[in-house]
Amino acid sequence: MRILRFIISGQTIRPDPACDFSNIAKGTKGYLRAEFLFSPEWNWCRKAAVFTVLRKEHPVPLINNACEIPAEALERNSFKVYVVGEKDGYRITTDKMEVKQNG
């Protein structure tokens, strides 16, 4: 299993510079996992990662700030990801980040 690690700071998502995002092959299933490191604004939120490809969204709940990346997001040359968090009367969303894959 390969892990892609993302850093969330407020409403900004970016790749962890210590994580290798190169040579991701499209078409995988059950292999890629996403992990997220959050700034304090996200404390106590229920969180979901949303993977978007061709304007179709594939939301996945985060368990221990991680999830498997759905196969539907891995069929094209790239996918976008953003994160949504909610708690009582509070909602926070990140911008979108594109992840490129090799043919």
Protein backbone atom coordinates (compact mmCIF):
# COMPACT_ATOMS: atom_id res chain seq x y z
CA MET A 1 0.00 0.00 0.00
CA ARG A 2 1.26 3.46 -0.91
CA ILE A 3 0.41 6.51 1.20
CA LEU A 4 -0.05 10.05 -0.10
CA ARG A 5 0.23 12.50 2.77
CA PHE A 6 -1.44 15.92 2.68
CA ILE A 7 -1.04 18.90 5.00
CA ILE A 8 -4.13 20.93 5.86
CA SER A 9 -3.52 24.41 7.22
CA GLY A 10 -6.78 26.27 7.73
CA GLN A 11 -8.49 26.09 4.34
CA THR A 12 -5.38 25.21 2.34
CA ILE A 13 -4.42 21.69 1.26
CA ARG A 14 -0.95 20.87 -0.02
CA PRO A 15 1.23 17.80 -0.44
CA ASP A 16 3.55 16.92 2.42
CA PRO A 17 7.02 17.81 1.08
CA ALA A 18 8.40 14.66 2.74
CA CYS A 19 6.00 12.48 0.70
CA ASP A 20 6.73 11.30 -2.85
CA PHE A 21 3.87 12.16 -5.22
CA SER A 22 5.73 11.07 -8.36
CA ASN A 23 5.09 8.03 -10.54
CA ILE A 24 1.51 7.38 -9.47
CA ALA A 25 0.03 4.97 -12.00
CA LYS A 26 -3.62 5.37 -12.90
CA GLY A 27 -6.00 2.44 -12.74
CA THR A 28 -5.02 1.10 -9.33
CA LYS A 29 -7.56 -0.21 -6.83
CA GLY A 30 -7.11 -0.80 -3.10
CA TYR A 31 -3.50 0.41 -3.27
CA LEU A 32 -3.44 4.17 -2.66
CA ARG A 33 -4.23 5.60 0.75
CA ALA A 34 -4.48 9.26 1.77
CA GLU A 35 -3.38 10.61 5.16
CA PHE A 36 -4.03 14.14 6.35
CA LEU A 37 -2.26 16.29 8.93
CA PHE A 38 -4.58 19.04 10.25
CA SER A 39 -4.12 22.47 11.81
CA PRO A 40 -6.07 23.25 15.04
CA GLU A 41 -9.11 24.72 13.23
CA TRP A 42 -10.05 21.13 12.41
CA ASN A 43 -10.02 19.82 15.99
CA TRP A 44 -13.13 17.82 16.92
CA CYS A 45 -14.57 17.97 13.39
CA ARG A 46 -16.05 15.00 11.59
CA LYS A 47 -14.03 14.95 8.37
CA ALA A 48 -14.41 13.62 4.84
CA ALA A 49 -12.06 13.72 1.88
CA VAL A 50 -13.71 14.39 -1.45
CA PHE A 51 -11.99 13.03 -4.56
CA THR A 52 -13.14 14.62 -7.81
CA VAL A 53 -12.66 13.40 -11.36
CA LEU A 54 -14.54 14.73 -14.38
CA ARG A 55 -16.69 16.86 -12.03
CA LYS A 56 -17.96 13.76 -10.25
CA GLU A 57 -17.31 13.75 -6.51
CA HIS A 58 -16.43 10.68 -4.47
CA PRO A 59 -16.60 11.54 -0.74
CA VAL A 60 -14.91 9.22 1.76
CA PRO A 61 -15.15 9.60 5.56
CA LEU A 62 -11.81 9.96 7.31
CA ILE A 63 -11.03 7.50 10.07
CA ASN A 64 -8.01 8.52 12.15
CA ASN A 65 -7.40 11.24 9.51
CA ALA A 66 -6.91 8.69 6.71
CA CYS A 67 -8.81 6.82 3.99
CA GLU A 68 -8.38 4.66 0.93
CA ILE A 69 -8.52 6.66 -2.29
CA PRO A 70 -11.53 5.34 -4.26
CA ALA A 71 -10.79 3.48 -7.49
CA GLU A 72 -13.16 5.80 -9.38
CA ALA A 73 -10.76 8.68 -8.72
CA LEU A 74 -7.80 6.73 -10.09
CA GLU A 75 -9.03 6.03 -13.61
CA ARG A 76 -7.86 9.25 -15.30
CA ASN A 77 -4.60 11.21 -15.64
CA SER A 78 -5.41 13.26 -12.57
CA PHE A 79 -7.87 13.74 -9.73
CA LYS A 80 -8.58 16.58 -7.33
CA VAL A 81 -8.98 16.29 -3.60
CA TYR A 82 -10.39 18.56 -0.91
CA VAL A 83 -11.51 18.04 2.67
CA VAL A 84 -14.68 19.05 4.51
CA GLY A 85 -15.03 19.18 8.29
CA GLU A 86 -18.12 19.74 10.45
CA LYS A 87 -19.02 20.06 14.09
CA ASP A 88 -21.95 21.74 15.87
CA GLY A 89 -22.69 24.95 13.93
CA TYR A 90 -19.26 24.92 12.26
CA ARG A 91 -18.16 23.88 8.77
CA ILE A 92 -14.72 24.23 7.19
CA THR A 93 -13.59 23.33 3.66
CA THR A 94 -10.21 23.34 1.96
CA ASP A 95 -9.38 24.46 -1.53
CA LYS A 96 -8.82 21.73 -4.14
CA MET A 97 -5.49 20.16 -4.97
CA GLU A 98 -4.78 18.28 -8.18
CA VAL A 99 -2.82 15.03 -8.10
CA LYS A 100 -1.39 13.90 -11.44
CA GLN A 101 -1.04 10.26 -12.46
CA ASN A 102 1.01 8.56 -15.15
CA GLY A 103 -0.63 6.85 -18.11
